[in-house]
């Protein structure tokens, strides 16, 4: 394994663990809560520590929590983010051109 994780895999993984479309609003509330926790971690500059040193609520952990609930919400609506991302990036590139174009299969 090359260590890469695709968005499709993450969506499938999360769906296998937790898929309750009737709870989409609860997932959104959890997303909002995790966003607040990320703000707190950033304010306190809680970065990952050396191996073996236990620090909970670090910036990297909170970012994953946010991604988890974003993907859970996408699953509830049947949205394949790997299809949406290139389409939205094409729109964004027209609106906000920049030096780094979005590339597929990267």
PDB file of N, CA and C in Angstrom:
ATOM      1  N   UNK A   1       0.846  -1.186   0.000  1.00  0.00           N
ATOM      2  CA  UNK A   1       0.000   0.000   0.000  1.00  0.00           C
ATOM      3  C   UNK A   1       0.883   1.239   0.000  1.00  0.00           C
ATOM      4  N   UNK A   2       0.474   2.243  -0.746  1.00  0.00           N
ATOM      5  CA  UNK A   2       1.274   3.456  -0.896  1.00  0.00           C
ATOM      6  C   UNK A   2       0.962   4.514   0.149  1.00  0.00           C
ATOM      7  N   UNK A   3       0.049   4.240   1.061  1.00  0.00           N
ATOM      8  CA  UNK A   3      -0.275   5.197   2.105  1.00  0.00           C
ATOM      9  C   UNK A   3      -1.298   6.238   1.710  1.00  0.00           C
ATOM     10  N   UNK A   4      -1.756   6.189   0.482  1.00  0.00           N
ATOM     11  CA  UNK A   4      -2.749   7.162   0.028  1.00  0.00           C
ATOM     12  C   UNK A   4      -4.148   6.665   0.333  1.00  0.00           C
ATOM     13  N   UNK A   5      -5.016   7.599   0.634  1.00  0.00           N
ATOM     14  CA  UNK A   5      -6.403   7.268   0.954  1.00  0.00           C
ATOM     15  C   UNK A   5      -7.290   8.118   0.053  1.00  0.00           C
ATOM     16  N   UNK A   6      -8.147   7.482  -0.704  1.00  0.00           N
ATOM     17  CA  UNK A   6      -9.019   8.232  -1.611  1.00  0.00           C
ATOM     18  C   UNK A   6     -10.272   8.714  -0.876  1.00  0.00           C
ATOM     19  N   UNK A   7     -10.862   9.738  -1.420  1.00  0.00           N
ATOM     20  CA  UNK A   7     -12.120  10.232  -0.868  1.00  0.00           C
ATOM     21  C   UNK A   7     -13.198   9.166  -1.014  1.00  0.00           C
ATOM     22  N   UNK A   8     -13.189   8.443  -2.136  1.00  0.00           N
ATOM     23  CA  UNK A   8     -14.176   7.377  -2.336  1.00  0.00           C
ATOM     24  C   UNK A   8     -14.061   6.320  -1.235  1.00  0.00           C
ATOM     25  N   UNK A   9     -12.826   5.937  -0.898  1.00  0.00           N
ATOM     26  CA  UNK A   9     -12.641   4.961   0.173  1.00  0.00           C
ATOM     27  C   UNK A   9     -13.163   5.512   1.500  1.00  0.00           C
ATOM     28  N   UNK A  10     -12.825   6.757   1.810  1.00  0.00           N
ATOM     29  CA  UNK A  10     -13.276   7.342   3.070  1.00  0.00           C
ATOM     30  C   UNK A  10     -14.796   7.378   3.145  1.00  0.00           C
ATOM     31  N   UNK A  11     -15.444   7.770   2.047  1.00  0.00           N
ATOM     32  CA  UNK A  11     -16.912   7.796   2.056  1.00  0.00           C
ATOM     33  C   UNK A  11     -17.470   6.396   2.279  1.00  0.00           C
ATOM     34  N   UNK A  12     -16.897   5.417   1.615  1.00  0.00           N
ATOM     35  CA  UNK A  12     -17.356   4.038   1.774  1.00  0.00           C
ATOM     36  C   UNK A  12     -17.110   3.536   3.198  1.00  0.00           C
ATOM     37  N   UNK A  13     -15.953   3.841   3.740  1.00  0.00           N
ATOM     38  CA  UNK A  13     -15.602   3.435   5.102  1.00  0.00           C
ATOM     39  C   UNK A  13     -16.581   4.025   6.114  1.00  0.00           C
ATOM     40  N   UNK A  14     -16.836   5.320   5.990  1.00  0.00           N
ATOM     41  CA  UNK A  14     -17.746   5.984   6.926  1.00  0.00           C
ATOM     42  C   UNK A  14     -19.156   5.444   6.768  1.00  0.00           C
ATOM     43  N   UNK A  15     -19.564   5.210   5.531  1.00  0.00           N
ATOM     44  CA  UNK A  15     -20.912   4.669   5.298  1.00  0.00           C
ATOM     45  C   UNK A  15     -21.061   3.285   5.923  1.00  0.00           C
ATOM     46  N   UNK A  16     -19.996   2.487   5.903  1.00  0.00           N
ATOM     47  CA  UNK A  16     -20.071   1.146   6.497  1.00  0.00           C
ATOM     48  C   UNK A  16     -20.150   1.210   8.022  1.00  0.00           C
ATOM     49  N   UNK A  17     -19.613   2.270   8.602  1.00  0.00           N
ATOM     50  CA  UNK A  17     -19.628   2.435  10.058  1.00  0.00           C
ATOM     51  C   UNK A  17     -20.885   3.131  10.542  1.00  0.00           C
ATOM     52  N   UNK A  18     -21.308   4.128   9.780  1.00  0.00           N
ATOM     53  CA  UNK A  18     -22.355   5.011  10.266  1.00  0.00           C
ATOM     54  C   UNK A  18     -23.108   5.592   9.077  1.00  0.00           C
ATOM     55  N   UNK A  19     -24.292   5.092   8.840  1.00  0.00           N
ATOM     56  CA  UNK A  19     -25.104   5.596   7.736  1.00  0.00           C
ATOM     57  C   UNK A  19     -26.554   5.651   8.200  1.00  0.00           C
ATOM     58  N   UNK A  20     -26.968   6.841   8.585  1.00  0.00           N
ATOM     59  CA  UNK A  20     -28.330   7.057   9.058  1.00  0.00           C
ATOM     60  C   UNK A  20     -28.840   8.368   8.461  1.00  0.00           C
ATOM     61  N   UNK A  21     -29.340   8.322   7.213  1.00  0.00           N
ATOM     62  CA  UNK A  21     -29.795   9.559   6.566  1.00  0.00           C
ATOM     63  C   UNK A  21     -30.799  10.356   7.402  1.00  0.00           C
ATOM     64  N   UNK A  22     -31.555   9.674   8.235  1.00  0.00           N
ATOM     65  CA  UNK A  22     -32.528  10.379   9.079  1.00  0.00           C
ATOM     66  C   UNK A  22     -31.839  11.239  10.144  1.00  0.00           C
ATOM     67  N   UNK A  23     -30.535  11.041  10.325  1.00  0.00           N
ATOM     68  CA  UNK A  23     -29.789  11.809  11.318  1.00  0.00           C
ATOM     69  C   UNK A  23     -28.913  12.900  10.696  1.00  0.00           C
ATOM     70  N   UNK A  24     -29.195  13.266   9.454  1.00  0.00           N
ATOM     71  CA  UNK A  24     -28.336  14.229   8.759  1.00  0.00           C
ATOM     72  C   UNK A  24     -28.219  15.548   9.522  1.00  0.00           C
ATOM     73  N   UNK A  25     -29.285  15.996  10.137  1.00  0.00           N
ATOM     74  CA  UNK A  25     -29.204  17.240  10.904  1.00  0.00           C
ATOM     75  C   UNK A  25     -28.336  17.056  12.148  1.00  0.00           C
ATOM     76  N   UNK A  26     -28.378  15.879  12.750  1.00  0.00           N
ATOM     77  CA  UNK A  26     -27.501  15.588  13.886  1.00  0.00           C
ATOM     78  C   UNK A  26     -26.036  15.563  13.446  1.00  0.00           C
ATOM     79  N   UNK A  27     -25.770  15.003  12.251  1.00  0.00           N
ATOM     80  CA  UNK A  27     -24.408  15.017  11.720  1.00  0.00           C
ATOM     81  C   UNK A  27     -23.941  16.454  11.527  1.00  0.00           C
ATOM     82  N   UNK A  28     -24.844  17.309  11.057  1.00  0.00           N
ATOM     83  CA  UNK A  28     -24.473  18.710  10.872  1.00  0.00           C
ATOM     84  C   UNK A  28     -24.164  19.376  12.210  1.00  0.00           C
ATOM     85  N   UNK A  29     -24.955  19.082  13.214  1.00  0.00           N
ATOM     86  CA  UNK A  29     -24.683  19.646  14.536  1.00  0.00           C
ATOM     87  C   UNK A  29     -23.330  19.164  15.070  1.00  0.00           C
ATOM     88  N   UNK A  30     -23.007  17.898  14.827  1.00  0.00           N
ATOM     89  CA  UNK A  30     -21.704  17.376  15.233  1.00  0.00           C
ATOM     90  C   UNK A  30     -20.599  18.078  14.448  1.00  0.00           C
ATOM     91  N   UNK A  31     -20.832  18.345  13.170  1.00  0.00           N
ATOM     92  CA  UNK A  31     -19.862  19.078  12.357  1.00  0.00           C
ATOM     93  C   UNK A  31     -19.609  20.460  12.957  1.00  0.00           C
ATOM     94  N   UNK A  32     -20.680  21.143  13.334  1.00  0.00           N
ATOM     95  CA  UNK A  32     -20.537  22.468  13.948  1.00  0.00           C
ATOM     96  C   UNK A  32     -19.771  22.376  15.267  1.00  0.00           C
ATOM     97  N   UNK A  33     -20.079  21.356  16.063  1.00  0.00           N
ATOM     98  CA  UNK A  33     -19.383  21.156  17.341  1.00  0.00           C
ATOM     99  C   UNK A  33     -17.893  20.915  17.120  1.00  0.00           C
ATOM    100  N   UNK A  34     -17.590  20.056  16.151  1.00  0.00           N
ATOM    101  CA  UNK A  34     -16.183  19.745  15.868  1.00  0.00           C
ATOM    102  C   UNK A  34     -15.448  20.970  15.324  1.00  0.00           C
ATOM    103  N   UNK A  35     -16.153  21.828  14.601  1.00  0.00           N
ATOM    104  CA  UNK A  35     -15.544  23.056  14.108  1.00  0.00           C
ATOM    105  C   UNK A  35     -15.149  23.951  15.285  1.00  0.00           C
ATOM    106  N   UNK A  36     -15.998  24.019  16.289  1.00  0.00           N
ATOM    107  CA  UNK A  36     -15.667  24.761  17.499  1.00  0.00           C
ATOM    108  C   UNK A  36     -14.470  24.158  18.218  1.00  0.00           C
ATOM    109  N   UNK A  37     -14.404  22.836  18.233  1.00  0.00           N
ATOM    110  CA  UNK A  37     -13.269  22.172  18.875  1.00  0.00           C
ATOM    111  C   UNK A  37     -11.976  22.436  18.106  1.00  0.00           C
ATOM    112  N   UNK A  38     -12.077  22.510  16.778  1.00  0.00           N
ATOM    113  CA  UNK A  38     -10.901  22.866  15.980  1.00  0.00           C
ATOM    114  C   UNK A  38     -10.450  24.288  16.313  1.00  0.00           C
ATOM    115  N   UNK A  39     -11.401  25.204  16.442  1.00  0.00           N
ATOM    116  CA  UNK A  39     -11.062  26.589  16.787  1.00  0.00           C
ATOM    117  C   UNK A  39     -10.333  26.639  18.130  1.00  0.00           C
ATOM    118  N   UNK A  40     -10.807  25.868  19.097  1.00  0.00           N
ATOM    119  CA  UNK A  40     -10.156  25.823  20.409  1.00  0.00           C
ATOM    120  C   UNK A  40      -8.751  25.258  20.295  1.00  0.00           C
ATOM    121  N   UNK A  41      -8.599  24.174  19.532  1.00  0.00           N
ATOM    122  CA  UNK A  41      -7.274  23.557  19.363  1.00  0.00           C
ATOM    123  C   UNK A  41      -6.314  24.522  18.669  1.00  0.00           C
ATOM    124  N   UNK A  42      -6.812  25.265  17.683  1.00  0.00           N
ATOM    125  CA  UNK A  42      -5.966  26.246  17.001  1.00  0.00           C
ATOM    126  C   UNK A  42      -5.588  27.375  17.951  1.00  0.00           C
ATOM    127  N   UNK A  43      -6.551  27.837  18.732  1.00  0.00           N
ATOM    128  CA  UNK A  43      -6.295  28.920  19.684  1.00  0.00           C
ATOM    129  C   UNK A  43      -5.220  28.512  20.695  1.00  0.00           C
ATOM    130  N   UNK A  44      -5.281  27.265  21.125  1.00  0.00           N
ATOM    131  CA  UNK A  44      -4.304  26.757  22.102  1.00  0.00           C
ATOM    132  C   UNK A  44      -3.061  26.192  21.422  1.00  0.00           C
ATOM    133  N   UNK A  45      -3.039  26.214  20.077  1.00  0.00           N
ATOM    134  CA  UNK A  45      -1.930  25.681  19.279  1.00  0.00           C
ATOM    135  C   UNK A  45      -1.608  24.235  19.667  1.00  0.00           C
ATOM    136  N   UNK A  46      -2.660  23.414  19.744  1.00  0.00           N
ATOM    137  CA  UNK A  46      -2.497  22.005  20.130  1.00  0.00           C
ATOM    138  C   UNK A  46      -2.105  21.180  18.907  1.00  0.00           C
ATOM    139  N   UNK A  47      -0.834  21.038  18.715  1.00  0.00           N
ATOM    140  CA  UNK A  47      -0.297  20.283  17.581  1.00  0.00           C
ATOM    141  C   UNK A  47      -0.009  18.844  17.994  1.00  0.00           C
ATOM    142  N   UNK A  48       0.099  17.962  17.001  1.00  0.00           N
ATOM    143  CA  UNK A  48       0.456  16.581  17.341  1.00  0.00           C
ATOM    144  C   UNK A  48       1.785  16.545  18.092  1.00  0.00           C
ATOM    145  N   UNK A  49       1.890  15.637  19.028  1.00  0.00           N
ATOM    146  CA  UNK A  49       3.098  15.505  19.840  1.00  0.00           C
ATOM    147  C   UNK A  49       3.916  14.295  19.389  1.00  0.00           C
ATOM    148  N   UNK A  50       5.036  14.118  20.021  1.00  0.00           N
ATOM    149  CA  UNK A  50       5.907  12.981  19.720  1.00  0.00           C
ATOM    150  C   UNK A  50       5.175  11.673  20.004  1.00  0.00           C
ATOM    151  N   UNK A  51       5.609  10.627  19.345  1.00  0.00           N
ATOM    152  CA  UNK A  51       5.000   9.308  19.533  1.00  0.00           C
ATOM    153  C   UNK A  51       5.013   8.942  21.018  1.00  0.00           C
ATOM    154  N   UNK A  52       3.887   8.458  21.474  1.00  0.00           N
ATOM    155  CA  UNK A  52       3.777   8.030  22.858  1.00  0.00           C
ATOM    156  C   UNK A  52       3.296   9.112  23.803  1.00  0.00           C
ATOM    157  N   UNK A  53       3.341  10.366  23.377  1.00  0.00           N
ATOM    158  CA  UNK A  53       2.870  11.459  24.229  1.00  0.00           C
ATOM    159  C   UNK A  53       1.396  11.700  23.952  1.00  0.00           C
ATOM    160  N   UNK A  54       0.578  11.503  24.954  1.00  0.00           N
ATOM    161  CA  UNK A  54      -0.880  11.593  24.802  1.00  0.00           C
ATOM    162  C   UNK A  54      -1.353  13.032  24.945  1.00  0.00           C
ATOM    163  N   UNK A  55      -1.843  13.583  23.854  1.00  0.00           N
ATOM    164  CA  UNK A  55      -2.481  14.899  23.863  1.00  0.00           C
ATOM    165  C   UNK A  55      -3.740  14.749  23.035  1.00  0.00           C
ATOM    166  N   UNK A  56      -4.881  14.992  23.638  1.00  0.00           N
ATOM    167  CA  UNK A  56      -6.154  14.820  22.943  1.00  0.00           C
ATOM    168  C   UNK A  56      -6.664  16.169  22.457  1.00  0.00           C
ATOM    169  N   UNK A  57      -7.451  16.110  21.381  1.00  0.00           N
ATOM    170  CA  UNK A  57      -8.053  17.333  20.868  1.00  0.00           C
ATOM    171  C   UNK A  57      -7.078  18.200  20.094  1.00  0.00           C
ATOM    172  N   UNK A  58      -6.108  17.553  19.430  1.00  0.00           N
ATOM    173  CA  UNK A  58      -5.130  18.305  18.657  1.00  0.00           C
ATOM    174  C   UNK A  58      -5.748  18.762  17.332  1.00  0.00           C
ATOM    175  N   UNK A  59      -5.091  19.693  16.692  1.00  0.00           N
ATOM    176  CA  UNK A  59      -5.594  20.247  15.438  1.00  0.00           C
ATOM    177  C   UNK A  59      -5.826  19.138  14.416  1.00  0.00           C
ATOM    178  N   UNK A  60      -4.867  18.225  14.284  1.00  0.00           N
ATOM    179  CA  UNK A  60      -5.021  17.158  13.290  1.00  0.00           C
ATOM    180  C   UNK A  60      -6.214  16.253  13.601  1.00  0.00           C
ATOM    181  N   UNK A  61      -6.420  15.936  14.865  1.00  0.00           N
ATOM    182  CA  UNK A  61      -7.577  15.105  15.238  1.00  0.00           C
ATOM    183  C   UNK A  61      -8.895  15.820  14.941  1.00  0.00           C
ATOM    184  N   UNK A  62      -8.951  17.099  15.241  1.00  0.00           N
ATOM    185  CA  UNK A  62     -10.188  17.848  15.007  1.00  0.00           C
ATOM    186  C   UNK A  62     -10.465  17.999  13.513  1.00  0.00           C
ATOM    187  N   UNK A  63      -9.415  18.136  12.718  1.00  0.00           N
ATOM    188  CA  UNK A  63      -9.609  18.199  11.263  1.00  0.00           C
ATOM    189  C   UNK A  63     -10.212  16.900  10.736  1.00  0.00           C
ATOM    190  N   UNK A  64      -9.727  15.779  11.258  1.00  0.00           N
ATOM    191  CA  UNK A  64     -10.305  14.495  10.834  1.00  0.00           C
ATOM    192  C   UNK A  64     -11.768  14.404  11.254  1.00  0.00           C
ATOM    193  N   UNK A  65     -12.085  14.836  12.464  1.00  0.00           N
ATOM    194  CA  UNK A  65     -13.476  14.793  12.924  1.00  0.00           C
ATOM    195  C   UNK A  65     -14.376  15.607  11.996  1.00  0.00           C
ATOM    196  N   UNK A  66     -13.887  16.762  11.559  1.00  0.00           N
ATOM    197  CA  UNK A  66     -14.660  17.597  10.640  1.00  0.00           C
ATOM    198  C   UNK A  66     -14.845  16.878   9.312  1.00  0.00           C
ATOM    199  N   UNK A  67     -13.772  16.314   8.789  1.00  0.00           N
ATOM    200  CA  UNK A  67     -13.877  15.579   7.518  1.00  0.00           C
ATOM    201  C   UNK A  67     -14.860  14.420   7.641  1.00  0.00           C
ATOM    202  N   UNK A  68     -14.815  13.736   8.764  1.00  0.00           N
ATOM    203  CA  UNK A  68     -15.702  12.589   8.991  1.00  0.00           C
ATOM    204  C   UNK A  68     -17.160  13.009   8.825  1.00  0.00           C
ATOM    205  N   UNK A  69     -17.544  14.093   9.469  1.00  0.00           N
ATOM    206  CA  UNK A  69     -18.948  14.496   9.407  1.00  0.00           C
ATOM    207  C   UNK A  69     -19.317  15.135   8.072  1.00  0.00           C
ATOM    208  N   UNK A  70     -18.382  15.779   7.398  1.00  0.00           N
ATOM    209  CA  UNK A  70     -18.643  16.266   6.038  1.00  0.00           C
ATOM    210  C   UNK A  70     -18.949  15.075   5.128  1.00  0.00           C
ATOM    211  N   UNK A  71     -18.152  14.039   5.237  1.00  0.00           N
ATOM    212  CA  UNK A  71     -18.357  12.855   4.399  1.00  0.00           C
ATOM    213  C   UNK A  71     -19.636  12.111   4.787  1.00  0.00           C
ATOM    214  N   UNK A  72     -19.953  12.061   6.068  1.00  0.00           N
ATOM    215  CA  UNK A  72     -21.196  11.425   6.514  1.00  0.00           C
ATOM    216  C   UNK A  72     -22.403  12.166   5.934  1.00  0.00           C
ATOM    217  N   UNK A  73     -22.341  13.491   5.914  1.00  0.00           N
ATOM    218  CA  UNK A  73     -23.434  14.286   5.347  1.00  0.00           C
ATOM    219  C   UNK A  73     -23.529  14.038   3.843  1.00  0.00           C
ATOM    220  N   UNK A  74     -22.401  14.013   3.154  1.00  0.00           N
ATOM    221  CA  UNK A  74     -22.408  13.716   1.716  1.00  0.00           C
ATOM    222  C   UNK A  74     -23.066  12.362   1.458  1.00  0.00           C
ATOM    223  N   UNK A  75     -22.744  11.370   2.288  1.00  0.00           N
ATOM    224  CA  UNK A  75     -23.354  10.051   2.134  1.00  0.00           C
ATOM    225  C   UNK A  75     -24.872  10.111   2.301  1.00  0.00           C
ATOM    226  N   UNK A  76     -25.338  10.888   3.255  1.00  0.00           N
ATOM    227  CA  UNK A  76     -26.780  10.995   3.496  1.00  0.00           C
ATOM    228  C   UNK A  76     -27.520  11.524   2.270  1.00  0.00           C
ATOM    229  N   UNK A  77     -26.856  12.400   1.524  1.00  0.00           N
ATOM    230  CA  UNK A  77     -27.472  12.983   0.335  1.00  0.00           C
ATOM    231  C   UNK A  77     -27.098  12.238  -0.943  1.00  0.00           C
ATOM    232  N   UNK A  78     -26.353  11.150  -0.810  1.00  0.00           N
ATOM    233  CA  UNK A  78     -25.957  10.374  -1.984  1.00  0.00           C
ATOM    234  C   UNK A  78     -24.994  11.122  -2.889  1.00  0.00           C
ATOM    235  N   UNK A  79     -24.166  11.968  -2.309  1.00  0.00           N
ATOM    236  CA  UNK A  79     -23.234  12.786  -3.080  1.00  0.00           C
ATOM    237  C   UNK A  79     -21.875  12.098  -3.134  1.00  0.00           C
ATOM    238  N   UNK A  80     -21.390  11.858  -4.346  1.00  0.00           N
ATOM    239  CA  UNK A  80     -20.065  11.301  -4.567  1.00  0.00           C
ATOM    240  C   UNK A  80     -19.106  12.479  -4.710  1.00  0.00           C
ATOM    241  N   UNK A  81     -18.363  12.760  -3.652  1.00  0.00           N
ATOM    242  CA  UNK A  81     -17.502  13.942  -3.654  1.00  0.00           C
ATOM    243  C   UNK A  81     -16.386  13.869  -4.689  1.00  0.00           C
ATOM    244  N   UNK A  82     -15.952  12.671  -5.065  1.00  0.00           N
ATOM    245  CA  UNK A  82     -14.928  12.575  -6.103  1.00  0.00           C
ATOM    246  C   UNK A  82     -15.460  13.038  -7.460  1.00  0.00           C
ATOM    247  N   UNK A  83     -16.766  13.030  -7.632  1.00  0.00           N
ATOM    248  CA  UNK A  83     -17.380  13.552  -8.851  1.00  0.00           C
ATOM    249  C   UNK A  83     -17.590  15.058  -8.739  1.00  0.00           C
ATOM    250  N   UNK A  84     -17.958  15.504  -7.568  1.00  0.00           N
ATOM    251  CA  UNK A  84     -18.262  16.924  -7.345  1.00  0.00           C
ATOM    252  C   UNK A  84     -17.004  17.783  -7.363  1.00  0.00           C
ATOM    253  N   UNK A  85     -15.939  17.318  -6.754  1.00  0.00           N
ATOM    254  CA  UNK A  85     -14.739  18.143  -6.570  1.00  0.00           C
ATOM    255  C   UNK A  85     -14.184  18.679  -7.890  1.00  0.00           C
ATOM    256  N   UNK A  86     -13.941  17.839  -8.914  1.00  0.00           N
ATOM    257  CA  UNK A  86     -13.387  18.402 -10.151  1.00  0.00           C
ATOM    258  C   UNK A  86     -14.336  19.397 -10.819  1.00  0.00           C
ATOM    259  N   UNK A  87     -15.628  19.121 -10.739  1.00  0.00           N
ATOM    260  CA  UNK A  87     -16.620  20.030 -11.330  1.00  0.00           C
ATOM    261  C   UNK A  87     -16.592  21.388 -10.628  1.00  0.00           C
ATOM    262  N   UNK A  88     -16.574  21.356  -9.312  1.00  0.00           N
ATOM    263  CA  UNK A  88     -16.562  22.603  -8.539  1.00  0.00           C
ATOM    264  C   UNK A  88     -15.231  23.331  -8.699  1.00  0.00           C
ATOM    265  N   UNK A  89     -14.142  22.606  -8.776  1.00  0.00           N
ATOM    266  CA  UNK A  89     -12.840  23.239  -8.974  1.00  0.00           C
ATOM    267  C   UNK A  89     -12.753  23.925 -10.334  1.00  0.00           C
ATOM    268  N   UNK A  90     -13.400  23.363 -11.347  1.00  0.00           N
ATOM    269  CA  UNK A  90     -13.433  24.022 -12.664  1.00  0.00           C
ATOM    270  C   UNK A  90     -14.149  25.363 -12.559  1.00  0.00           C
ATOM    271  N   UNK A  91     -15.251  25.397 -11.821  1.00  0.00           N
ATOM    272  CA  UNK A  91     -15.982  26.658 -11.596  1.00  0.00           C
ATOM    273  C   UNK A  91     -15.104  27.628 -10.815  1.00  0.00           C
ATOM    274  N   UNK A  92     -14.479  27.142  -9.755  1.00  0.00           N
ATOM    275  CA  UNK A  92     -13.627  27.994  -8.926  1.00  0.00           C
ATOM    276  C   UNK A  92     -12.450  28.563  -9.719  1.00  0.00           C
ATOM    277  N   UNK A  93     -11.895  27.757 -10.622  1.00  0.00           N
ATOM    278  CA  UNK A  93     -10.743  28.211 -11.410  1.00  0.00           C
ATOM    279  C   UNK A  93     -11.118  29.379 -12.318  1.00  0.00           C
ATOM    280  N   UNK A  94     -12.335  29.364 -12.835  1.00  0.00           N
ATOM    281  CA  UNK A  94     -12.805  30.485 -13.661  1.00  0.00           C
ATOM    282  C   UNK A  94     -13.005  31.716 -12.791  1.00  0.00           C
ATOM    283  N   UNK A  95     -13.620  31.533 -11.641  1.00  0.00           N
ATOM    284  CA  UNK A  95     -13.897  32.654 -10.727  1.00  0.00           C
ATOM    285  C   UNK A  95     -12.629  33.209 -10.093  1.00  0.00           C
ATOM    286  N   UNK A  96     -11.755  32.314  -9.688  1.00  0.00           N
ATOM    287  CA  UNK A  96     -10.555  32.698  -8.945  1.00  0.00           C
ATOM    288  C   UNK A  96      -9.328  32.016  -9.548  1.00  0.00           C
ATOM    289  N   UNK A  97      -8.900  32.470 -10.727  1.00  0.00           N
ATOM    290  CA  UNK A  97      -7.760  31.795 -11.364  1.00  0.00           C
ATOM    291  C   UNK A  97      -6.511  31.871 -10.485  1.00  0.00           C
ATOM    292  N   UNK A  98      -5.739  30.831 -10.547  1.00  0.00           N
ATOM    293  CA  UNK A  98      -4.516  30.789  -9.761  1.00  0.00           C
ATOM    294  C   UNK A  98      -3.459  29.981 -10.485  1.00  0.00           C
ATOM    295  N   UNK A  99      -2.286  29.917  -9.921  1.00  0.00           N
ATOM    296  CA  UNK A  99      -1.172  29.244 -10.594  1.00  0.00           C
ATOM    297  C   UNK A  99      -1.220  27.713 -10.554  1.00  0.00           C
ATOM    298  N   UNK A 100      -2.062  27.145  -9.682  1.00  0.00           N
ATOM    299  CA  UNK A 100      -2.084  25.687  -9.525  1.00  0.00           C
ATOM    300  C   UNK A 100      -3.419  25.123 -10.017  1.00  0.00           C
ATOM    301  N   UNK A 101      -3.439  24.578 -11.225  1.00  0.00           N
ATOM    302  CA  UNK A 101      -4.680  23.988 -11.722  1.00  0.00           C
ATOM    303  C   UNK A 101      -4.988  22.673 -11.015  1.00  0.00           C
ATOM    304  N   UNK A 102      -6.265  22.352 -10.913  1.00  0.00           N
ATOM    305  CA  UNK A 102      -6.672  21.076 -10.316  1.00  0.00           C
ATOM    306  C   UNK A 102      -6.384  19.960 -11.312  1.00  0.00           C
ATOM    307  N   UNK A 103      -5.803  18.863 -10.849  1.00  0.00           N
ATOM    308  CA  UNK A 103      -5.473  17.740 -11.722  1.00  0.00           C
ATOM    309  C   UNK A 103      -6.148  16.480 -11.207  1.00  0.00           C
ATOM    310  N   UNK A 104      -6.747  15.744 -12.124  1.00  0.00           N
ATOM    311  CA  UNK A 104      -7.351  14.457 -11.775  1.00  0.00           C
ATOM    312  C   UNK A 104      -6.273  13.386 -11.657  1.00  0.00           C
ATOM    313  N   UNK A 105      -6.627  12.285 -11.003  1.00  0.00           N
ATOM    314  CA  UNK A 105      -5.741  11.130 -10.854  1.00  0.00           C
ATOM    315  C   UNK A 105      -4.429  11.479 -10.180  1.00  0.00           C
ATOM    316  N   UNK A 106      -4.503  12.327  -9.198  1.00  0.00           N
ATOM    317  CA  UNK A 106      -3.304  12.726  -8.451  1.00  0.00           C
ATOM    318  C   UNK A 106      -3.427  12.247  -7.034  1.00  0.00           C
TER     319      UNK A 106
END
